[in-house]
PDB file of N, CA and C in Angstrom:
ATOM      1  N   MET A   1     364.238  57.836  37.916  1.00  0.00           N
ATOM      2  CA  MET A   1     364.497  56.762  36.919  1.00  0.00           C
ATOM      3  C   MET A   1     364.075  57.797  35.796  1.00  0.00           C
ATOM      4  N   LEU A   2     365.441  57.643  34.737  1.00  0.00           N
ATOM      5  CA  LEU A   2     365.134  58.332  33.593  1.00  0.00           C
ATOM      6  C   LEU A   2     365.030  56.837  32.637  1.00  0.00           C
ATOM      7  N   ILE A   3     363.966  56.904  31.720  1.00  0.00           N
ATOM      8  CA  ILE A   3     364.007  55.703  30.439  1.00  0.00           C
ATOM      9  C   ILE A   3     364.806  56.617  29.347  1.00  0.00           C
ATOM     10  N   GLN A   4     365.337  56.496  28.360  1.00  0.00           N
ATOM     11  CA  GLN A   4     366.167  57.169  27.967  1.00  0.00           C
ATOM     12  C   GLN A   4     365.758  55.299  26.446  1.00  0.00           C
ATOM     13  N   MET A   5     365.360  55.651  25.154  1.00  0.00           N
ATOM     14  CA  MET A   5     365.503  55.592  24.282  1.00  0.00           C
ATOM     15  C   MET A   5     365.188  55.888  22.924  1.00  0.00           C
ATOM     16  N   ARG A   6     366.463  55.258  21.962  1.00  0.00           N
ATOM     17  CA  ARG A   6     366.096  55.473  20.523  1.00  0.00           C
ATOM     18  C   ARG A   6     365.700  54.251  19.996  1.00  0.00           C
ATOM     19  N   LEU A   7     364.533  54.771  19.015  1.00  0.00           N
ATOM     20  CA  LEU A   7     364.039  53.425  18.464  1.00  0.00           C
ATOM     21  C   LEU A   7     364.184  53.745  16.604  1.00  0.00           C
ATOM     22  N   PRO A   8     364.862  52.855  16.637  1.00  0.00           N
ATOM     23  CA  PRO A   8     365.284  52.987  14.674  1.00  0.00           C
ATOM     24  C   PRO A   8     363.640  52.881  13.921  1.00  0.00           C
ATOM     25  N   GLY A   9     364.257  53.794  12.843  1.00  0.00           N
ATOM     26  CA  GLY A   9     363.031  53.598  12.265  1.00  0.00           C
ATOM     27  C   GLY A   9     361.729  53.909  11.890  1.00  0.00           C
ATOM     28  N   GLU A  10     360.687  54.554  11.252  1.00  0.00           N
ATOM     29  CA  GLU A  10     359.667  55.514  11.118  1.00  0.00           C
ATOM     30  C   GLU A  10     358.275  54.563  11.602  1.00  0.00           C
ATOM     31  N   ILE A  11     357.317  55.021  12.134  1.00  0.00           N
ATOM     32  CA  ILE A  11     356.326  54.610  12.376  1.00  0.00           C
ATOM     33  C   ILE A  11     354.941  55.514  11.778  1.00  0.00           C
ATOM     34  N   LYS A  12     354.017  54.675  11.316  1.00  0.00           N
ATOM     35  CA  LYS A  12     352.520  55.516  10.920  1.00  0.00           C
ATOM     36  C   LYS A  12     351.975  55.897  11.802  1.00  0.00           C
ATOM     37  N   PRO A  13     351.671  57.190  11.636  1.00  0.00           N
ATOM     38  CA  PRO A  13     350.826  57.965  12.384  1.00  0.00           C
ATOM     39  C   PRO A  13     349.683  57.304  12.899  1.00  0.00           C
ATOM     40  N   TYR A  14     349.120  57.894  14.410  1.00  0.00           N
ATOM     41  CA  TYR A  14     347.829  57.273  14.504  1.00  0.00           C
ATOM     42  C   TYR A  14     346.502  57.386  13.599  1.00  0.00           C
ATOM     43  N   VAL A  15     345.635  56.711  13.398  1.00  0.00           N
ATOM     44  CA  VAL A  15     344.008  56.713  12.641  1.00  0.00           C
ATOM     45  C   VAL A  15     343.771  56.604  13.314  1.00  0.00           C
ATOM     46  N   ARG A  16     342.373  57.285  13.399  1.00  0.00           N
ATOM     47  CA  ARG A  16     341.248  56.888  14.084  1.00  0.00           C
ATOM     48  C   ARG A  16     340.507  55.734  13.285  1.00  0.00           C
ATOM     49  N   MET A  17     339.747  54.444  13.973  1.00  0.00           N
ATOM     50  CA  MET A  17     339.480  53.234  13.495  1.00  0.00           C
ATOM     51  C   MET A  17     338.201  53.101  14.818  1.00  0.00           C
ATOM     52  N   THR A  18     337.348  52.154  13.775  1.00  0.00           N
ATOM     53  CA  THR A  18     336.231  51.901  14.953  1.00  0.00           C
ATOM     54  C   THR A  18     336.594  50.459  14.835  1.00  0.00           C
ATOM     55  N   GLN A  19     335.388  49.880  16.008  1.00  0.00           N
ATOM     56  CA  GLN A  19     336.149  48.279  16.355  1.00  0.00           C
ATOM     57  C   GLN A  19     336.501  47.325  15.054  1.00  0.00           C
ATOM     58  N   ARG A  20     335.268  47.603  14.258  1.00  0.00           N
ATOM     59  CA  ARG A  20     335.071  47.172  13.043  1.00  0.00           C
ATOM     60  C   ARG A  20     336.101  46.949  11.776  1.00  0.00           C
ATOM     61  N   SER A  21     336.488  48.356  11.819  1.00  0.00           N
ATOM     62  CA  SER A  21     337.669  49.240  11.107  1.00  0.00           C
ATOM     63  C   SER A  21     339.043  48.355  11.045  1.00  0.00           C
ATOM     64  N   ARG A  22     339.214  48.173  12.113  1.00  0.00           N
ATOM     65  CA  ARG A  22     340.295  48.081  12.506  1.00  0.00           C
ATOM     66  C   ARG A  22     341.014  46.588  12.175  1.00  0.00           C
ATOM     67  N   TYR A  23     340.098  46.072  11.783  1.00  0.00           N
ATOM     68  CA  TYR A  23     340.176  44.302  11.104  1.00  0.00           C
ATOM     69  C   TYR A  23     339.787  44.587   9.739  1.00  0.00           C
ATOM     70  N   SER A  24     339.777  45.438   8.928  1.00  0.00           N
ATOM     71  CA  SER A  24     339.269  45.782   7.600  1.00  0.00           C
ATOM     72  C   SER A  24     340.119  46.938   6.915  1.00  0.00           C
ATOM     73  N   GLU A  25     340.222  48.055   7.315  1.00  0.00           N
ATOM     74  CA  GLU A  25     340.796  48.873   6.577  1.00  0.00           C
ATOM     75  C   GLU A  25     342.059  49.165   6.997  1.00  0.00           C
ATOM     76  N   PRO A  26     342.577  49.544   5.390  1.00  0.00           N
ATOM     77  CA  PRO A  26     344.496  48.968   5.406  1.00  0.00           C
ATOM     78  C   PRO A  26     344.875  50.077   6.316  1.00  0.00           C
ATOM     79  N   GLN A  27     344.438  51.614   6.332  1.00  0.00           N
ATOM     80  CA  GLN A  27     345.139  52.134   7.357  1.00  0.00           C
ATOM     81  C   GLN A  27     345.221  51.863   8.868  1.00  0.00           C
ATOM     82  N   ALA A  28     344.294  51.498   9.052  1.00  0.00           N
ATOM     83  CA  ALA A  28     344.092  50.872  10.754  1.00  0.00           C
ATOM     84  C   ALA A  28     345.103  49.729  10.730  1.00  0.00           C
ATOM     85  N   ILE A  29     344.842  48.703   9.621  1.00  0.00           N
ATOM     86  CA  ILE A  29     346.173  47.589   9.776  1.00  0.00           C
ATOM     87  C   ILE A  29     347.431  48.069   9.830  1.00  0.00           C
ATOM     88  N   GLU A  30     347.554  48.985   9.090  1.00  0.00           N
ATOM     89  CA  GLU A  30     348.962  49.432   8.930  1.00  0.00           C
ATOM     90  C   GLU A  30     349.119  49.689  10.309  1.00  0.00           C
ATOM     91  N   TYR A  31     348.516  50.949  10.858  1.00  0.00           N
ATOM     92  CA  TYR A  31     349.060  51.409  12.021  1.00  0.00           C
ATOM     93  C   TYR A  31     348.784  50.188  13.502  1.00  0.00           C
ATOM     94  N   ILE A  32     348.035  49.497  13.179  1.00  0.00           N
ATOM     95  CA  ILE A  32     348.322  48.796  14.184  1.00  0.00           C
ATOM     96  C   ILE A  32     349.255  47.897  14.147  1.00  0.00           C
ATOM     97  N   ALA A  33     349.841  47.496  13.180  1.00  0.00           N
ATOM     98  CA  ALA A  33     351.454  46.773  12.623  1.00  0.00           C
ATOM     99  C   ALA A  33     352.598  47.433  13.668  1.00  0.00           C
ATOM    100  N   SER A  34     352.537  48.570  12.604  1.00  0.00           N
ATOM    101  CA  SER A  34     353.613  49.769  13.392  1.00  0.00           C
ATOM    102  C   SER A  34     353.564  49.858  14.879  1.00  0.00           C
ATOM    103  N   ARG A  35     352.341  50.035  15.197  1.00  0.00           N
ATOM    104  CA  ARG A  35     352.589  50.577  16.553  1.00  0.00           C
ATOM    105  C   ARG A  35     352.927  49.071  17.548  1.00  0.00           C
ATOM    106  N   ASN A  36     352.829  48.024  17.527  1.00  0.00           N
ATOM    107  CA  ASN A  36     353.533  46.575  17.711  1.00  0.00           C
ATOM    108  C   ASN A  36     354.540  46.381  17.464  1.00  0.00           C
ATOM    109  N   ARG A  37     355.010  46.744  16.246  1.00  0.00           N
ATOM    110  CA  ARG A  37     356.356  46.911  16.194  1.00  0.00           C
ATOM    111  C   ARG A  37     357.633  47.353  17.179  1.00  0.00           C
ATOM    112  N   LEU A  38     356.976  48.866  17.154  1.00  0.00           N
ATOM    113  CA  LEU A  38     357.560  50.041  18.225  1.00  0.00           C
ATOM    114  C   LEU A  38     357.268  49.064  19.541  1.00  0.00           C
ATOM    115  N   ARG A  39     356.039  49.051  20.056  1.00  0.00           N
ATOM    116  CA  ARG A  39     356.086  47.889  21.703  1.00  0.00           C
ATOM    117  C   ARG A  39     357.021  47.117  21.328  1.00  0.00           C
ATOM    118  N   ASP A  40     356.986  46.281  20.746  1.00  0.00           N
ATOM    119  CA  ASP A  40     358.216  44.916  20.937  1.00  0.00           C
ATOM    120  C   ASP A  40     359.457  45.271  20.816  1.00  0.00           C
ATOM    121  N   ASP A  41     359.831  46.504  20.531  1.00  0.00           N
ATOM    122  CA  ASP A  41     361.399  47.332  20.646  1.00  0.00           C
ATOM    123  C   ASP A  41     361.408  47.977  21.567  1.00  0.00           C
ATOM    124  N   MET A  42     360.295  48.343  22.144  1.00  0.00           N
ATOM    125  CA  MET A  42     360.306  49.384  23.407  1.00  0.00           C
ATOM    126  C   MET A  42     360.537  48.085  24.361  1.00  0.00           C
ATOM    127  N   ARG A  43     359.917  46.986  24.394  1.00  0.00           N
ATOM    128  CA  ARG A  43     360.229  46.006  25.518  1.00  0.00           C
ATOM    129  C   ARG A  43     361.418  45.257  25.650  1.00  0.00           C
ATOM    130  N   THR A  44     362.001  44.913  24.262  1.00  0.00           N
ATOM    131  CA  THR A  44     363.181  44.454  24.084  1.00  0.00           C
ATOM    132  C   THR A  44     364.029  45.811  24.888  1.00  0.00           C
ATOM    133  N   LEU A  45     363.958  46.817  24.844  1.00  0.00           N
ATOM    134  CA  LEU A  45     365.087  47.631  25.001  1.00  0.00           C
ATOM    135  C   LEU A  45     364.704  47.404  26.826  1.00  0.00           C
ATOM    136  N   MET A  46     363.612  47.838  27.083  1.00  0.00           N
ATOM    137  CA  MET A  46     363.547  47.750  28.601  1.00  0.00           C
ATOM    138  C   MET A  46     363.928  46.321  29.355  1.00  0.00           C
ATOM    139  N   LEU A  47     363.955  45.492  28.985  1.00  0.00           N
ATOM    140  CA  LEU A  47     364.520  44.261  28.689  1.00  0.00           C
ATOM    141  C   LEU A  47     365.919  44.117  29.470  1.00  0.00           C
ATOM    142  N   ALA A  48     366.473  44.898  28.349  1.00  0.00           N
ATOM    143  CA  ALA A  48     368.185  44.584  27.926  1.00  0.00           C
ATOM    144  C   ALA A  48     368.866  45.273  29.208  1.00  0.00           C
ATOM    145  N   ASN A  49     367.818  46.723  29.747  1.00  0.00           N
ATOM    146  CA  ASN A  49     368.379  47.672  30.502  1.00  0.00           C
ATOM    147  C   ASN A  49     367.765  47.202  32.179  1.00  0.00           C
ATOM    148  N   HIS A  50     367.068  46.373  31.992  1.00  0.00           N
ATOM    149  CA  HIS A  50     366.357  46.254  33.505  1.00  0.00           C
ATOM    150  C   HIS A  50     365.878  47.363  34.059  1.00  0.00           C
ATOM    151  N   TRP A  51     365.210  47.887  32.881  1.00  0.00           N
ATOM    152  CA  TRP A  51     363.966  49.048  33.471  1.00  0.00           C
ATOM    153  C   TRP A  51     362.817  48.216  34.120  1.00  0.00           C
ATOM    154  N   GLN A  52     362.391  49.086  35.240  1.00  0.00           N
ATOM    155  CA  GLN A  52     361.001  48.583  35.389  1.00  0.00           C
ATOM    156  C   GLN A  52     359.934  49.626  35.129  1.00  0.00           C
ATOM    157  N   MET A  53     358.934  48.827  34.785  1.00  0.00           N
ATOM    158  CA  MET A  53     357.517  49.609  34.365  1.00  0.00           C
ATOM    159  C   MET A  53     356.827  50.761  35.143  1.00  0.00           C
ATOM    160  N   ILE A  54     357.164  52.269  34.843  1.00  0.00           N
ATOM    161  CA  ILE A  54     356.866  53.103  35.475  1.00  0.00           C
ATOM    162  C   ILE A  54     354.986  52.889  36.081  1.00  0.00           C
ATOM    163  N   PRO A  55     355.115  52.577  37.462  1.00  0.00           N
ATOM    164  CA  PRO A  55     353.728  52.148  38.051  1.00  0.00           C
ATOM    165  C   PRO A  55     352.554  53.008  38.134  1.00  0.00           C
ATOM    166  N   ARG A  56     351.342  52.858  37.918  1.00  0.00           N
ATOM    167  CA  ARG A  56     350.368  53.405  37.635  1.00  0.00           C
ATOM    168  C   ARG A  56     350.024  54.692  39.022  1.00  0.00           C
ATOM    169  N   GLY A  57     349.480  55.498  38.821  1.00  0.00           N
ATOM    170  CA  GLY A  57     349.589  56.612  39.911  1.00  0.00           C
ATOM    171  C   GLY A  57     350.720  57.372  40.408  1.00  0.00           C
ATOM    172  N   VAL A  58     351.810  57.359  39.355  1.00  0.00           N
ATOM    173  CA  VAL A  58     353.023  58.000  39.007  1.00  0.00           C
ATOM    174  C   VAL A  58     353.072  58.920  38.078  1.00  0.00           C
ATOM    175  N   PRO A  59     352.837  60.403  38.432  1.00  0.00           N
ATOM    176  CA  PRO A  59     352.854  61.650  37.463  1.00  0.00           C
ATOM    177  C   PRO A  59     354.395  61.254  36.651  1.00  0.00           C
ATOM    178  N   MET A  60     354.047  61.649  35.525  1.00  0.00           N
ATOM    179  CA  MET A  60     355.366  61.366  34.527  1.00  0.00           C
ATOM    180  C   MET A  60     355.640  62.748  33.455  1.00  0.00           C
ATOM    181  N   GLU A  61     356.590  62.950  32.640  1.00  0.00           N
ATOM    182  CA  GLU A  61     356.867  64.043  31.656  1.00  0.00           C
ATOM    183  C   GLU A  61     357.827  62.962  30.743  1.00  0.00           C
ATOM    184  N   VAL A  62     357.365  63.406  29.708  1.00  0.00           N
ATOM    185  CA  VAL A  62     357.496  62.672  28.143  1.00  0.00           C
ATOM    186  C   VAL A  62     358.418  63.300  27.265  1.00  0.00           C
ATOM    187  N   GLY A  63     359.413  63.216  26.657  1.00  0.00           N
ATOM    188  CA  GLY A  63     359.966  63.837  25.672  1.00  0.00           C
ATOM    189  C   GLY A  63     360.021  62.826  24.470  1.00  0.00           C
ATOM    190  N   ILE A  64     359.688  63.524  23.668  1.00  0.00           N
ATOM    191  CA  ILE A  64     359.468  62.736  22.057  1.00  0.00           C
ATOM    192  C   ILE A  64     360.518  63.540  20.900  1.00  0.00           C
ATOM    193  N   ILE A  65     361.364  62.949  20.411  1.00  0.00           N
ATOM    194  CA  ILE A  65     362.195  63.768  19.192  1.00  0.00           C
ATOM    195  C   ILE A  65     361.892  62.642  18.119  1.00  0.00           C
ATOM    196  N   ILE A  66     361.044  63.161  16.855  1.00  0.00           N
ATOM    197  CA  ILE A  66     360.914  62.455  15.709  1.00  0.00           C
ATOM    198  C   ILE A  66     362.173  62.536  14.581  1.00  0.00           C
ATOM    199  N   GLY A  67     362.735  61.408  14.452  1.00  0.00           N
ATOM    200  CA  GLY A  67     364.061  61.904  13.614  1.00  0.00           C
ATOM    201  C   GLY A  67     363.555  62.106  11.863  1.00  0.00           C
ATOM    202  N   TRP A  68     362.135  62.474  11.875  1.00  0.00           N
ATOM    203  CA  TRP A  68     362.003  62.655   9.881  1.00  0.00           C
ATOM    204  C   TRP A  68     360.856  63.526  10.016  1.00  0.00           C
ATOM    205  N   CYS A  69     361.433  64.749   8.752  1.00  0.00           N
ATOM    206  CA  CYS A  69     359.959  65.587   8.535  1.00  0.00           C
ATOM    207  C   CYS A  69     359.643  65.847   7.516  1.00  0.00           C
ATOM    208  N   ARG A  70     358.065  65.001   7.567  1.00  0.00           N
ATOM    209  CA  ARG A  70     356.899  64.872   6.634  1.00  0.00           C
ATOM    210  C   ARG A  70     355.761  66.124   7.204  1.00  0.00           C
ATOM    211  N   HIS A  71     355.561  66.969   6.795  1.00  0.00           N
ATOM    212  CA  HIS A  71     354.317  67.639   6.787  1.00  0.00           C
ATOM    213  C   HIS A  71     353.215  67.216   6.477  1.00  0.00           C
ATOM    214  N   ASN A  72     353.415  65.801   6.057  1.00  0.00           N
ATOM    215  CA  ASN A  72     351.854  65.515   5.752  1.00  0.00           C
ATOM    216  C   ASN A  72     351.735  64.482   6.752  1.00  0.00           C
ATOM    217  N   GLN A  73     351.955  64.614   7.565  1.00  0.00           N
ATOM    218  CA  GLN A  73     351.754  63.876   8.684  1.00  0.00           C
ATOM    219  C   GLN A  73     351.757  64.605   9.804  1.00  0.00           C
ATOM    220  N   ASP A  74     350.732  64.385  10.763  1.00  0.00           N
ATOM    221  CA  ASP A  74     350.430  65.650  12.045  1.00  0.00           C
ATOM    222  C   ASP A  74     350.903  64.880  12.555  1.00  0.00           C
ATOM    223  N   LEU A  75     351.543  65.915  13.348  1.00  0.00           N
ATOM    224  CA  LEU A  75     353.068  65.862  14.732  1.00  0.00           C
ATOM    225  C   LEU A  75     352.432  65.267  16.075  1.00  0.00           C
ATOM    226  N   ASP A  76     350.730  65.405  16.203  1.00  0.00           N
ATOM    227  CA  ASP A  76     350.104  65.123  17.237  1.00  0.00           C
ATOM    228  C   ASP A  76     349.778  63.506  17.442  1.00  0.00           C
ATOM    229  N   ASN A  77     349.191  63.032  15.793  1.00  0.00           N
ATOM    230  CA  ASN A  77     349.024  61.798  15.571  1.00  0.00           C
ATOM    231  C   ASN A  77     350.129  60.827  15.490  1.00  0.00           C
ATOM    232  N   ILE A  78     351.579  61.276  15.171  1.00  0.00           N
ATOM    233  CA  ILE A  78     352.994  60.400  15.575  1.00  0.00           C
ATOM    234  C   ILE A  78     353.218  60.614  16.935  1.00  0.00           C
ATOM    235  N   VAL A  79     352.977  61.384  17.789  1.00  0.00           N
ATOM    236  CA  VAL A  79     353.151  61.203  19.634  1.00  0.00           C
ATOM    237  C   VAL A  79     351.953  60.480  20.039  1.00  0.00           C
ATOM    238  N   LYS A  80     350.787  60.515  19.326  1.00  0.00           N
ATOM    239  CA  LYS A  80     350.063  59.589  20.034  1.00  0.00           C
ATOM    240  C   LYS A  80     350.171  57.997  20.222  1.00  0.00           C
ATOM    241  N   ALA A  81     351.001  57.943  18.826  1.00  0.00           N
ATOM    242  CA  ALA A  81     351.374  56.431  18.119  1.00  0.00           C
ATOM    243  C   ALA A  81     352.755  55.953  19.015  1.00  0.00           C
ATOM    244  N   VAL A  82     353.224  57.071  19.642  1.00  0.00           N
ATOM    245  CA  VAL A  82     354.261  56.608  20.414  1.00  0.00           C
ATOM    246  C   VAL A  82     353.589  56.399  21.925  1.00  0.00           C
ATOM    247  N   LEU A  83     352.862  57.247  22.444  1.00  0.00           N
ATOM    248  CA  LEU A  83     352.563  56.986  23.478  1.00  0.00           C
ATOM    249  C   LEU A  83     351.095  55.975  23.317  1.00  0.00           C
ATOM    250  N   ASP A  84     351.030  55.758  22.541  1.00  0.00           N
ATOM    251  CA  ASP A  84     350.185  54.165  22.742  1.00  0.00           C
ATOM    252  C   ASP A  84     351.221  53.267  22.686  1.00  0.00           C
ATOM    253  N   ALA A  85     351.849  53.121  21.931  1.00  0.00           N
ATOM    254  CA  ALA A  85     352.879  51.764  21.851  1.00  0.00           C
ATOM    255  C   ALA A  85     353.688  51.879  22.623  1.00  0.00           C
ATOM    256  N   ALA A  86     353.795  52.548  23.865  1.00  0.00           N
ATOM    257  CA  ALA A  86     354.551  52.953  25.389  1.00  0.00           C
ATOM    258  C   ALA A  86     353.746  52.096  26.407  1.00  0.00           C
ATOM    259  N   ASN A  87     352.222  52.610  26.451  1.00  0.00           N
ATOM    260  CA  ASN A  87     351.254  52.189  27.152  1.00  0.00           C
ATOM    261  C   ASN A  87     351.371  50.170  27.427  1.00  0.00           C
ATOM    262  N   GLY A  88     351.719  50.225  28.903  1.00  0.00           N
ATOM    263  CA  GLY A  88     351.610  49.362  29.097  1.00  0.00           C
ATOM    264  C   GLY A  88     353.140  48.426  29.024  1.00  0.00           C
ATOM    265  N   VAL A  89     354.143  48.847  28.718  1.00  0.00           N
ATOM    266  CA  VAL A  89     355.565  48.721  28.365  1.00  0.00           C
ATOM    267  C   VAL A  89     355.823  49.545  29.334  1.00  0.00           C
ATOM    268  N   ILE A  90     356.282  50.726  28.858  1.00  0.00           N
ATOM    269  CA  ILE A  90     357.464  51.830  29.816  1.00  0.00           C
ATOM    270  C   ILE A  90     356.231  52.314  30.850  1.00  0.00           C
ATOM    271  N   TYR A  91     355.327  52.386  31.019  1.00  0.00           N
ATOM    272  CA  TYR A  91     354.213  52.888  31.946  1.00  0.00           C
ATOM    273  C   TYR A  91     352.771  52.172  31.924  1.00  0.00           C
ATOM    274  N   ALA A  92     352.728  51.523  33.266  1.00  0.00           N
ATOM    275  CA  ALA A  92     351.269  51.231  33.098  1.00  0.00           C
ATOM    276  C   ALA A  92     350.197  51.868  32.698  1.00  0.00           C
ATOM    277  N   ASP A  93     350.364  53.381  32.881  1.00  0.00           N
ATOM    278  CA  ASP A  93     348.926  53.727  32.366  1.00  0.00           C
ATOM    279  C   ASP A  93     349.363  55.706  31.949  1.00  0.00           C
ATOM    280  N   ASP A  94     348.716  55.627  30.695  1.00  0.00           N
ATOM    281  CA  ASP A  94     349.215  56.853  30.466  1.00  0.00           C
ATOM    282  C   ASP A  94     348.363  58.323  30.370  1.00  0.00           C
ATOM    283  N   CYS A  95     347.409  58.027  31.170  1.00  0.00           N
ATOM    284  CA  CYS A  95     346.786  59.037  31.982  1.00  0.00           C
ATOM    285  C   CYS A  95     347.380  59.821  33.188  1.00  0.00           C
ATOM    286  N   TRP A  96     348.355  59.415  33.496  1.00  0.00           N
ATOM    287  CA  TRP A  96     349.524  59.721  34.493  1.00  0.00           C
ATOM    288  C   TRP A  96     350.619  60.723  33.850  1.00  0.00           C
ATOM    289  N   ILE A  97     350.484  60.909  32.398  1.00  0.00           N
ATOM    290  CA  ILE A  97     351.471  61.537  31.638  1.00  0.00           C
ATOM    291  C   ILE A  97     350.840  62.835  32.192  1.00  0.00           C
ATOM    292  N   ASP A  98     351.913  64.479  32.612  1.00  0.00           N
ATOM    293  CA  ASP A  98     351.245  65.415  32.734  1.00  0.00           C
ATOM    294  C   ASP A  98     351.886  66.329  32.066  1.00  0.00           C
ATOM    295  N   SER A  99     352.837  66.134  31.464  1.00  0.00           N
ATOM    296  CA  SER A  99     353.899  67.151  30.556  1.00  0.00           C
ATOM    297  C   SER A  99     354.369  66.024  29.345  1.00  0.00           C
ATOM    298  N   ILE A 100     354.517  66.819  27.810  1.00  0.00           N
ATOM    299  CA  ILE A 100     354.445  66.296  27.038  1.00  0.00           C
ATOM    300  C   ILE A 100     355.207  67.261  25.894  1.00  0.00           C
ATOM    301  N   ALA A 101     356.424  67.224  25.575  1.00  0.00           N
ATOM    302  CA  ALA A 101     357.418  67.787  24.439  1.00  0.00           C
ATOM    303  C   ALA A 101     357.820  66.916  23.373  1.00  0.00           C
ATOM    304  N   ALA A 102     357.285  67.582  22.193  1.00  0.00           N
ATOM    305  CA  ALA A 102     357.426  66.709  20.796  1.00  0.00           C
ATOM    306  C   ALA A 102     358.343  67.503  20.218  1.00  0.00           C
ATOM    307  N   ALA A 103     358.881  67.033  19.498  1.00  0.00           N
ATOM    308  CA  ALA A 103     359.872  67.945  17.911  1.00  0.00           C
ATOM    309  C   ALA A 103     360.181  67.016  16.603  1.00  0.00           C
ATOM    310  N   ARG A 104     360.316  67.363  15.857  1.00  0.00           N
ATOM    311  CA  ARG A 104     360.314  66.606  14.652  1.00  0.00           C
ATOM    312  C   ARG A 104     361.822  67.595  13.887  1.00  0.00           C
ATOM    313  N   TRP A 105     362.390  67.081  13.105  1.00  0.00           N
ATOM    314  CA  TRP A 105     362.968  67.539  12.223  1.00  0.00           C
ATOM    315  C   TRP A 105     363.778  66.352  11.256  1.00  0.00           C
ATOM    316  N   ALA A 106     364.237  66.962   9.936  1.00  0.00           N
ATOM    317  CA  ALA A 106     364.942  66.036   9.081  1.00  0.00           C
ATOM    318  C   ALA A 106     365.927  65.250   9.719  1.00  0.00           C
ATOM    319  N   ALA A 107     366.379  63.566   9.722  1.00  0.00           N
ATOM    320  CA  ALA A 107     367.546  62.688   9.797  1.00  0.00           C
ATOM    321  C   ALA A 107     368.814  63.547   9.208  1.00  0.00           C
ATOM    322  N   ALA A 108     369.888  63.918   9.631  1.00  0.00           N
ATOM    323  CA  ALA A 108     371.053  63.884   8.861  1.00  0.00           C
ATOM    324  C   ALA A 108     371.175  63.058   7.201  1.00  0.00           C
ATOM    325  N   VAL A 109     371.918  63.387   6.596  1.00  0.00           N
ATOM    326  CA  VAL A 109     372.139  62.817   5.304  1.00  0.00           C
ATOM    327  C   VAL A 109     372.910  61.679   5.637  1.00  0.00           C
ATOM    328  N   GLY A 110     372.283  60.506   5.435  1.00  0.00           N
ATOM    329  CA  GLY A 110     372.982  58.962   5.691  1.00  0.00           C
ATOM    330  C   GLY A 110     372.699  58.541   7.049  1.00  0.00           C
ATOM    331  N   GLU A 111     371.758  59.405   8.220  1.00  0.00           N
ATOM    332  CA  GLU A 111     371.113  58.789   9.108  1.00  0.00           C
ATOM    333  C   GLU A 111     369.965  58.213   9.004  1.00  0.00           C
ATOM    334  N   GLU A 112     369.531  56.926   9.767  1.00  0.00           N
ATOM    335  CA  GLU A 112     368.959  56.412   9.884  1.00  0.00           C
ATOM    336  C   GLU A 112     367.542  57.204  10.553  1.00  0.00           C
ATOM    337  N   SER A 113     365.963  57.368  10.261  1.00  0.00           N
ATOM    338  CA  SER A 113     365.098  57.788  10.587  1.00  0.00           C
ATOM    339  C   SER A 113     365.060  56.956  12.628  1.00  0.00           C
ATOM    340  N   ALA A 114     364.673  57.976  12.863  1.00  0.00           N
ATOM    341  CA  ALA A 114     364.273  57.097  14.241  1.00  0.00           C
ATOM    342  C   ALA A 114     363.674  57.959  15.388  1.00  0.00           C
ATOM    343  N   ILE A 115     363.207  57.835  16.732  1.00  0.00           N
ATOM    344  CA  ILE A 115     362.271  58.100  17.294  1.00  0.00           C
ATOM    345  C   ILE A 115     363.463  58.347  18.779  1.00  0.00           C
ATOM    346  N   GLY A 116     363.421  59.563  19.144  1.00  0.00           N
ATOM    347  CA  GLY A 116     363.922  59.775  20.838  1.00  0.00           C
ATOM    348  C   GLY A 116     363.174  59.674  21.354  1.00  0.00           C
ATOM    349  N   LEU A 117     362.823  58.775  22.477  1.00  0.00           N
ATOM    350  CA  LEU A 117     362.384  58.969  23.835  1.00  0.00           C
ATOM    351  C   LEU A 117     362.534  59.263  24.891  1.00  0.00           C
ATOM    352  N   ALA A 118     362.426  59.555  25.882  1.00  0.00           N
ATOM    353  CA  ALA A 118     362.651  60.276  27.265  1.00  0.00           C
ATOM    354  C   ALA A 118     361.703  60.625  28.253  1.00  0.00           C
ATOM    355  N   ILE A 119     361.204  59.298  29.022  1.00  0.00           N
ATOM    356  CA  ILE A 119     360.386  59.554  30.423  1.00  0.00           C
ATOM    357  C   ILE A 119     361.097  59.183  31.675  1.00  0.00           C
ATOM    358  N   ARG A 120     360.228  60.291  32.352  1.00  0.00           N
ATOM    359  CA  ARG A 120     360.925  60.185  33.953  1.00  0.00           C
ATOM    360  C   ARG A 120     359.585  60.610  34.717  1.00  0.00           C
ATOM    361  N   PRO A 121     359.447  59.676  35.785  1.00  0.00           N
ATOM    362  CA  PRO A 121     358.629  60.310  36.837  1.00  0.00           C
ATOM    363  C   PRO A 121     358.718  61.884  37.743  1.00  0.00           C
ATOM    364  N   ILE A 122     357.567  62.113  37.538  1.00  0.00           N
ATOM    365  CA  ILE A 122     358.214  64.138  37.870  1.00  0.00           C
ATOM    366  C   ILE A 122     357.432  63.800  39.515  1.00  0.00           C
ATOM    367  N   ALA A 123     356.856  62.790  40.126  1.00  0.00           N
ATOM    368  CA  ALA A 123     356.275  62.819  41.753  1.00  0.00           C
ATOM    369  C   ALA A 123     358.149  63.010  42.699  1.00  0.00           C
ATOM    370  N   GLU A 124     357.731  63.764  43.056  1.00  0.00           N
ATOM    371  CA  GLU A 124     359.145  63.289  44.257  1.00  0.00           C
ATOM    372  C   GLU A 124     359.313  61.611  45.154  1.00  0.00           C
ATOM    373  N   GLY A 125     360.097  61.370  44.796  1.00  0.00           N
ATOM    374  CA  GLY A 125     360.526  60.180  45.224  1.00  0.00           C
ATOM    375  C   GLY A 125     360.055  58.962  44.508  1.00  0.00           C
ATOM    376  N   ALA A 126     359.084  59.366  43.357  1.00  0.00           N
ATOM    377  CA  ALA A 126     358.744  58.424  42.872  1.00  0.00           C
ATOM    378  C   ALA A 126     359.817  57.591  42.073  1.00  0.00           C
ATOM    379  N   ALA A 127     359.213  56.329  41.438  1.00  0.00           N
ATOM    380  CA  ALA A 127     359.745  55.329  41.025  1.00  0.00           C
ATOM    381  C   ALA A 127     361.482  54.774  41.205  1.00  0.00           C
ATOM    382  N   GLU A 128     361.773  55.611  42.251  1.00  0.00           N
ATOM    383  CA  GLU A 128     363.537  55.158  42.375  1.00  0.00           C
ATOM    384  C   GLU A 128     363.573  53.986  42.937  1.00  0.00           C
TER     385      GLU A 128
END
């Protein structure tokens, strides 16, 4: 089973936060709101396509294409934000991700920024 989706818009990259700062720091509040919006978009696509969540215990590989290019944002923090949003929606536990490929580039003129996401179990016969 391959889950592929295009998620429109940009997201706030992951920011480190403490339990207390997540409610008071503007960067943390913005990150959580962005992650929750992305999670809602993922949930909508999962339901619309009748995809089942990949269960815990199934190794996966993930491909992420970031459709905007800002070199003042760390690629690894953008990837973490996408993976955090998908946790509990597309897969039950992100500790089962064994392979991640990520790239970013600017959207074409007139094209909306977006995230391309592909997730596939890599265990033989898994989640089929």
